[in-house]
N, C-alpha and C. Protein backbone atom coordinates (compact mmCIF):
# COMPACT_ATOMS: atom_id res chain seq x y z
N UNK A 1 -81.21 -48.09 38.66
CA UNK A 1 -79.91 -47.10 38.51
C UNK A 1 -80.45 -45.63 38.07
N UNK A 2 -79.50 -44.42 39.13
CA UNK A 2 -79.64 -43.23 38.71
C UNK A 2 -78.78 -42.68 38.23
N UNK A 3 -78.75 -41.42 37.50
CA UNK A 3 -77.68 -40.56 36.94
C UNK A 3 -77.63 -39.43 37.75
N UNK A 4 -75.95 -39.67 38.54
CA UNK A 4 -75.79 -38.05 38.97
C UNK A 4 -74.57 -37.46 37.92
N UNK A 5 -75.10 -36.21 37.98
CA UNK A 5 -73.83 -35.46 36.92
C UNK A 5 -73.55 -34.60 37.92
N UNK A 6 -72.02 -34.76 38.12
CA UNK A 6 -70.91 -34.08 39.12
C UNK A 6 -70.76 -32.30 38.80
N UNK A 7 -70.68 -31.57 39.87
CA UNK A 7 -70.40 -30.34 39.54
C UNK A 7 -69.28 -29.94 38.37
N UNK A 8 -68.29 -30.92 38.17
CA UNK A 8 -67.24 -30.65 36.99
C UNK A 8 -67.80 -30.75 35.81
N UNK A 9 -68.70 -32.04 35.75
CA UNK A 9 -68.92 -32.41 34.33
C UNK A 9 -70.66 -31.37 33.96
N UNK A 10 -70.99 -30.73 35.52
CA UNK A 10 -72.24 -29.82 34.89
C UNK A 10 -71.45 -28.75 34.05
N UNK A 11 -70.41 -28.23 34.84
CA UNK A 11 -69.37 -26.98 33.96
C UNK A 11 -69.11 -27.15 32.44
N UNK A 12 -68.74 -28.63 32.30
CA UNK A 12 -68.24 -29.00 31.16
C UNK A 12 -69.43 -28.89 30.09
N UNK A 13 -70.69 -29.29 30.46
CA UNK A 13 -71.96 -29.24 29.63
C UNK A 13 -72.29 -27.76 29.27
N UNK A 14 -71.98 -26.44 30.44
CA UNK A 14 -72.08 -25.41 30.37
C UNK A 14 -71.26 -24.67 29.33
N UNK A 15 -69.94 -25.29 29.49
CA UNK A 15 -68.75 -24.65 28.62
C UNK A 15 -69.20 -24.94 27.26
N UNK A 16 -69.60 -26.25 27.01
CA UNK A 16 -70.15 -26.75 25.33
C UNK A 16 -71.26 -25.81 25.15
N UNK A 17 -71.89 -25.59 25.98
CA UNK A 17 -73.14 -24.88 25.60
C UNK A 17 -72.97 -23.36 24.87
N UNK A 18 -71.81 -22.97 25.90
CA UNK A 18 -72.09 -21.55 25.63
C UNK A 18 -70.87 -21.31 24.50
N UNK A 19 -70.15 -22.15 23.83
CA UNK A 19 -69.68 -22.55 22.71
C UNK A 19 -70.22 -22.40 21.57
N UNK A 20 -71.13 -23.42 21.57
CA UNK A 20 -72.18 -23.58 20.37
C UNK A 20 -73.00 -22.67 20.51
N UNK A 21 -73.54 -22.17 21.52
CA UNK A 21 -74.51 -20.96 21.51
C UNK A 21 -73.77 -19.54 20.74
N UNK A 22 -72.45 -19.60 21.09
CA UNK A 22 -72.00 -18.59 20.57
C UNK A 22 -71.57 -18.62 19.16
N UNK A 23 -71.64 -19.69 18.43
CA UNK A 23 -71.69 -20.13 17.13
C UNK A 23 -72.76 -19.56 16.29
N UNK A 24 -74.09 -20.37 17.05
CA UNK A 24 -75.44 -20.09 16.33
C UNK A 24 -76.45 -19.79 17.23
N UNK A 25 -77.27 -19.37 17.44
CA UNK A 25 -78.48 -18.93 18.16
C UNK A 25 -78.89 -20.36 17.97
N UNK A 26 -79.41 -20.84 19.47
CA UNK A 26 -80.41 -22.04 19.61
C UNK A 26 -79.34 -23.21 19.51
N UNK A 27 -78.34 -23.32 19.05
CA UNK A 27 -77.23 -24.21 19.11
C UNK A 27 -76.80 -24.62 20.23
N UNK A 28 -76.75 -24.12 21.33
CA UNK A 28 -76.50 -24.43 22.77
C UNK A 28 -76.95 -25.61 23.35
N UNK A 29 -78.58 -24.92 22.96
CA UNK A 29 -79.65 -25.73 23.84
C UNK A 29 -79.84 -27.02 22.90
N UNK A 30 -79.44 -27.18 21.82
CA UNK A 30 -79.15 -28.35 20.91
C UNK A 30 -78.65 -29.39 21.54
N UNK A 31 -77.09 -28.70 21.77
CA UNK A 31 -75.54 -29.40 22.15
C UNK A 31 -76.30 -29.81 23.52
N UNK A 32 -77.00 -29.30 24.59
CA UNK A 32 -77.49 -29.80 25.88
C UNK A 32 -78.50 -30.84 25.53
N UNK A 33 -79.20 -31.11 24.96
CA UNK A 33 -80.32 -32.00 24.40
C UNK A 33 -79.81 -33.17 23.93
N UNK A 34 -78.42 -33.21 23.22
CA UNK A 34 -77.94 -34.10 22.68
C UNK A 34 -77.23 -34.93 24.05
N UNK A 35 -76.41 -34.13 24.45
CA UNK A 35 -76.00 -34.80 25.38
C UNK A 35 -76.40 -35.16 26.48
N UNK A 36 -77.45 -34.93 26.98
CA UNK A 36 -78.15 -35.45 27.96
C UNK A 36 -79.09 -36.51 27.49
N UNK A 37 -79.25 -36.69 26.06
CA UNK A 37 -79.79 -37.55 25.63
C UNK A 37 -78.66 -38.87 25.82
N UNK A 38 -77.51 -38.58 25.16
CA UNK A 38 -76.35 -39.66 25.42
C UNK A 38 -76.19 -40.10 26.68
N UNK A 39 -76.29 -39.33 27.68
CA UNK A 39 -75.92 -39.52 29.52
C UNK A 39 -77.36 -40.32 29.38
N UNK A 40 -78.35 -40.09 29.06
CA UNK A 40 -80.05 -41.00 29.78
C UNK A 40 -79.35 -42.21 28.72
N UNK A 41 -78.79 -42.49 27.77
CA UNK A 41 -78.58 -44.08 27.20
C UNK A 41 -77.73 -44.77 28.10
N UNK A 42 -76.96 -44.00 29.25
CA UNK A 42 -76.27 -44.95 29.93
C UNK A 42 -77.34 -46.15 30.66
N UNK A 43 -77.97 -45.42 31.00
CA UNK A 43 -79.31 -46.01 31.92
C UNK A 43 -79.37 -47.50 31.33
N UNK A 44 -79.42 -47.28 29.84
CA UNK A 44 -79.28 -49.05 29.05
C UNK A 44 -78.17 -49.64 28.84
N UNK A 45 -77.48 -48.99 28.38
CA UNK A 45 -75.71 -49.42 28.42
C UNK A 45 -74.71 -48.98 29.21
N UNK A 46 -75.00 -48.16 30.58
CA UNK A 46 -73.72 -47.86 31.07
C UNK A 46 -72.90 -49.39 31.80
N UNK A 47 -72.09 -48.96 31.44
CA UNK A 47 -70.85 -50.31 32.11
C UNK A 47 -70.19 -50.87 30.84
N UNK A 48 -70.73 -50.87 29.46
CA UNK A 48 -70.16 -51.41 28.58
C UNK A 48 -69.12 -50.77 27.64
N UNK A 49 -68.91 -49.45 27.90
CA UNK A 49 -67.95 -48.97 27.51
C UNK A 49 -66.70 -49.07 27.72
N UNK A 50 -65.37 -49.31 26.69
CA UNK A 50 -64.38 -49.31 27.19
C UNK A 50 -64.04 -48.42 28.39
N UNK A 51 -63.18 -48.60 29.15
CA UNK A 51 -62.02 -47.88 30.22
C UNK A 51 -61.06 -47.38 29.91
N UNK A 52 -61.02 -45.83 30.27
CA UNK A 52 -59.63 -44.75 29.90
C UNK A 52 -59.60 -44.16 31.19
N UNK A 53 -58.29 -44.44 32.07
CA UNK A 53 -57.63 -43.72 32.89
C UNK A 53 -58.57 -44.09 34.12
N UNK A 54 -58.93 -45.31 34.10
CA UNK A 54 -59.86 -45.32 35.36
C UNK A 54 -61.33 -45.19 34.89
N UNK A 55 -61.68 -44.69 34.15
CA UNK A 55 -63.50 -44.24 33.87
C UNK A 55 -63.97 -44.92 32.45
N UNK A 56 -65.40 -45.47 32.34
CA UNK A 56 -66.34 -45.66 31.44
C UNK A 56 -66.06 -44.42 30.64
N UNK A 57 -65.89 -44.59 29.17
CA UNK A 57 -65.98 -43.13 28.48
C UNK A 57 -66.86 -43.58 26.89
N UNK A 58 -67.81 -43.04 26.90
CA UNK A 58 -68.83 -43.29 25.88
C UNK A 58 -68.66 -41.84 25.25
N UNK A 59 -68.92 -42.13 23.92
CA UNK A 59 -68.74 -40.91 22.86
C UNK A 59 -70.19 -40.79 22.59
N UNK A 60 -70.46 -39.29 22.45
CA UNK A 60 -71.54 -38.51 22.37
C UNK A 60 -71.72 -39.01 20.75
N UNK A 61 -73.09 -38.96 20.37
CA UNK A 61 -73.57 -39.40 19.11
C UNK A 61 -73.74 -38.25 18.06
N UNK A 62 -73.47 -37.06 18.73
CA UNK A 62 -73.82 -36.12 17.88
C UNK A 62 -72.60 -34.92 17.75
N UNK A 63 -71.94 -34.98 18.92
CA UNK A 63 -70.86 -34.14 19.07
C UNK A 63 -69.78 -34.84 19.25
N UNK A 64 -68.30 -34.29 18.97
CA UNK A 64 -67.17 -34.59 19.39
C UNK A 64 -67.14 -34.27 20.91
N UNK A 65 -67.81 -35.20 21.52
CA UNK A 65 -67.43 -35.43 22.94
C UNK A 65 -67.66 -36.41 23.53
N UNK A 66 -66.60 -36.74 24.90
CA UNK A 66 -66.44 -38.12 25.26
C UNK A 66 -67.18 -37.63 27.13
N UNK A 67 -67.97 -38.79 27.25
CA UNK A 67 -68.73 -38.60 28.37
C UNK A 67 -67.72 -39.82 29.03
N UNK A 68 -67.28 -39.25 30.37
CA UNK A 68 -66.72 -40.01 30.96
C UNK A 68 -67.49 -40.29 32.74
N UNK A 69 -67.50 -41.57 32.75
CA UNK A 69 -68.41 -41.79 34.14
C UNK A 69 -68.08 -43.18 34.64
N UNK A 70 -68.50 -43.36 35.94
CA UNK A 70 -68.24 -44.43 36.59
C UNK A 70 -69.44 -45.24 37.40
N UNK A 71 -69.86 -46.49 37.62
CA UNK A 71 -70.45 -46.73 37.84
C UNK A 71 -70.62 -47.02 39.63
N UNK A 72 -71.40 -46.66 40.63
CA UNK A 72 -70.87 -46.79 41.99
C UNK A 72 -72.25 -46.84 42.90
N UNK A 73 -72.44 -48.11 43.13
CA UNK A 73 -73.56 -48.80 43.53
C UNK A 73 -74.77 -48.65 42.74
N UNK A 74 -75.81 -47.88 42.77
CA UNK A 74 -76.84 -47.55 42.43
C UNK A 74 -76.78 -46.57 41.30
N UNK A 75 -75.85 -46.07 41.31
CA UNK A 75 -75.68 -44.43 40.57
C UNK A 75 -74.76 -44.84 39.31
N UNK A 76 -74.69 -43.68 37.92
CA UNK A 76 -74.13 -43.80 36.85
C UNK A 76 -73.55 -42.51 37.22
N UNK A 77 -72.19 -42.16 38.07
CA UNK A 77 -71.58 -41.14 37.83
C UNK A 77 -70.78 -40.30 37.01
N UNK A 78 -71.26 -39.41 36.59
CA UNK A 78 -70.69 -38.47 35.41
C UNK A 78 -69.73 -37.28 35.90
N UNK A 79 -68.66 -37.89 35.48
CA UNK A 79 -67.46 -36.96 35.78
C UNK A 79 -66.77 -36.00 35.37
N UNK A 80 -67.25 -35.86 33.74
CA UNK A 80 -66.72 -34.96 33.08
C UNK A 80 -67.18 -35.30 31.59
N UNK A 81 -67.27 -34.11 30.97
CA UNK A 81 -68.03 -34.34 29.37
C UNK A 81 -66.88 -33.41 28.72
N UNK A 82 -65.98 -34.13 28.02
CA UNK A 82 -65.08 -33.26 27.32
C UNK A 82 -64.98 -33.53 25.84
N UNK A 83 -64.25 -32.24 25.27
CA UNK A 83 -64.36 -31.53 24.05
C UNK A 83 -63.17 -32.88 23.21
N UNK A 84 -63.49 -33.86 22.36
CA UNK A 84 -62.56 -34.23 22.12
C UNK A 84 -61.27 -33.40 21.02
N UNK A 85 -61.86 -32.39 20.48
CA UNK A 85 -60.89 -31.67 19.93
C UNK A 85 -60.13 -30.99 20.83
N UNK A 86 -60.24 -30.67 21.94
CA UNK A 86 -59.28 -30.03 22.80
C UNK A 86 -58.21 -30.61 23.42
N UNK A 87 -56.90 -30.26 23.92
CA UNK A 87 -56.12 -30.51 24.41
C UNK A 87 -56.24 -31.27 25.76
N UNK A 88 -56.29 -32.39 26.05
CA UNK A 88 -56.41 -32.92 27.13
C UNK A 88 -55.84 -32.58 28.37
N UNK A 89 -54.47 -31.85 28.37
CA UNK A 89 -53.73 -31.26 29.62
C UNK A 89 -54.41 -30.08 29.88
N UNK A 90 -55.41 -29.43 29.39
CA UNK A 90 -56.28 -28.24 29.88
C UNK A 90 -57.32 -28.76 30.58
N UNK A 91 -57.32 -30.03 30.65
CA UNK A 91 -58.72 -30.46 31.45
C UNK A 91 -58.27 -30.87 33.04
N UNK A 92 -56.99 -30.65 33.19
CA UNK A 92 -56.54 -31.17 34.49
C UNK A 92 -57.40 -30.84 35.80
N UNK A 93 -57.74 -31.79 36.57
CA UNK A 93 -58.56 -31.35 37.43
C UNK A 93 -58.14 -32.20 39.08
N UNK A 94 -58.87 -32.68 39.45
CA UNK A 94 -58.67 -33.27 40.86
C UNK A 94 -57.83 -34.82 40.44
N UNK A 95 -57.57 -35.50 41.76
CA UNK A 95 -57.02 -36.84 41.44
C UNK A 95 -57.71 -37.67 40.91
N UNK A 96 -59.45 -37.41 40.58
CA UNK A 96 -59.73 -38.47 39.67
C UNK A 96 -60.21 -37.59 38.67
N UNK A 97 -59.42 -37.31 37.95
CA UNK A 97 -59.43 -36.43 36.55
C UNK A 97 -59.05 -37.67 35.43
N UNK A 98 -60.41 -37.47 34.42
CA UNK A 98 -60.05 -38.94 33.38
C UNK A 98 -59.58 -38.50 32.48
N UNK A 99 -58.65 -37.00 32.25
CA UNK A 99 -57.75 -36.53 31.18
C UNK A 99 -56.40 -36.41 31.93
N UNK A 100 -56.45 -35.83 33.32
CA UNK A 100 -55.25 -35.21 33.52
C UNK A 100 -54.18 -36.04 34.13
N UNK A 101 -54.48 -37.54 34.15
CA UNK A 101 -53.68 -38.76 34.78
C UNK A 101 -53.89 -38.58 36.21
């Protein structure tokens, strides 16, 4: 299996990194490393997480973020990486939106 981080999820990662970097220099890079470690863990555990609104939802081990993904053939597609402290209505996206319904 291979991991594909889709553009929406990349944007989520960038927003999270920007937030943590604004709190403390270097924290943004730590955030990215932590979330990418969690995403890489899906190569071993992908598909075992409960589904939520049609997506598997894995929780980050270091940050209050959820990783929404799906298994598509030989790929693990990452659709969103959402801050669990945010209002989910603020994340309305496309018809494949894990939080927007």
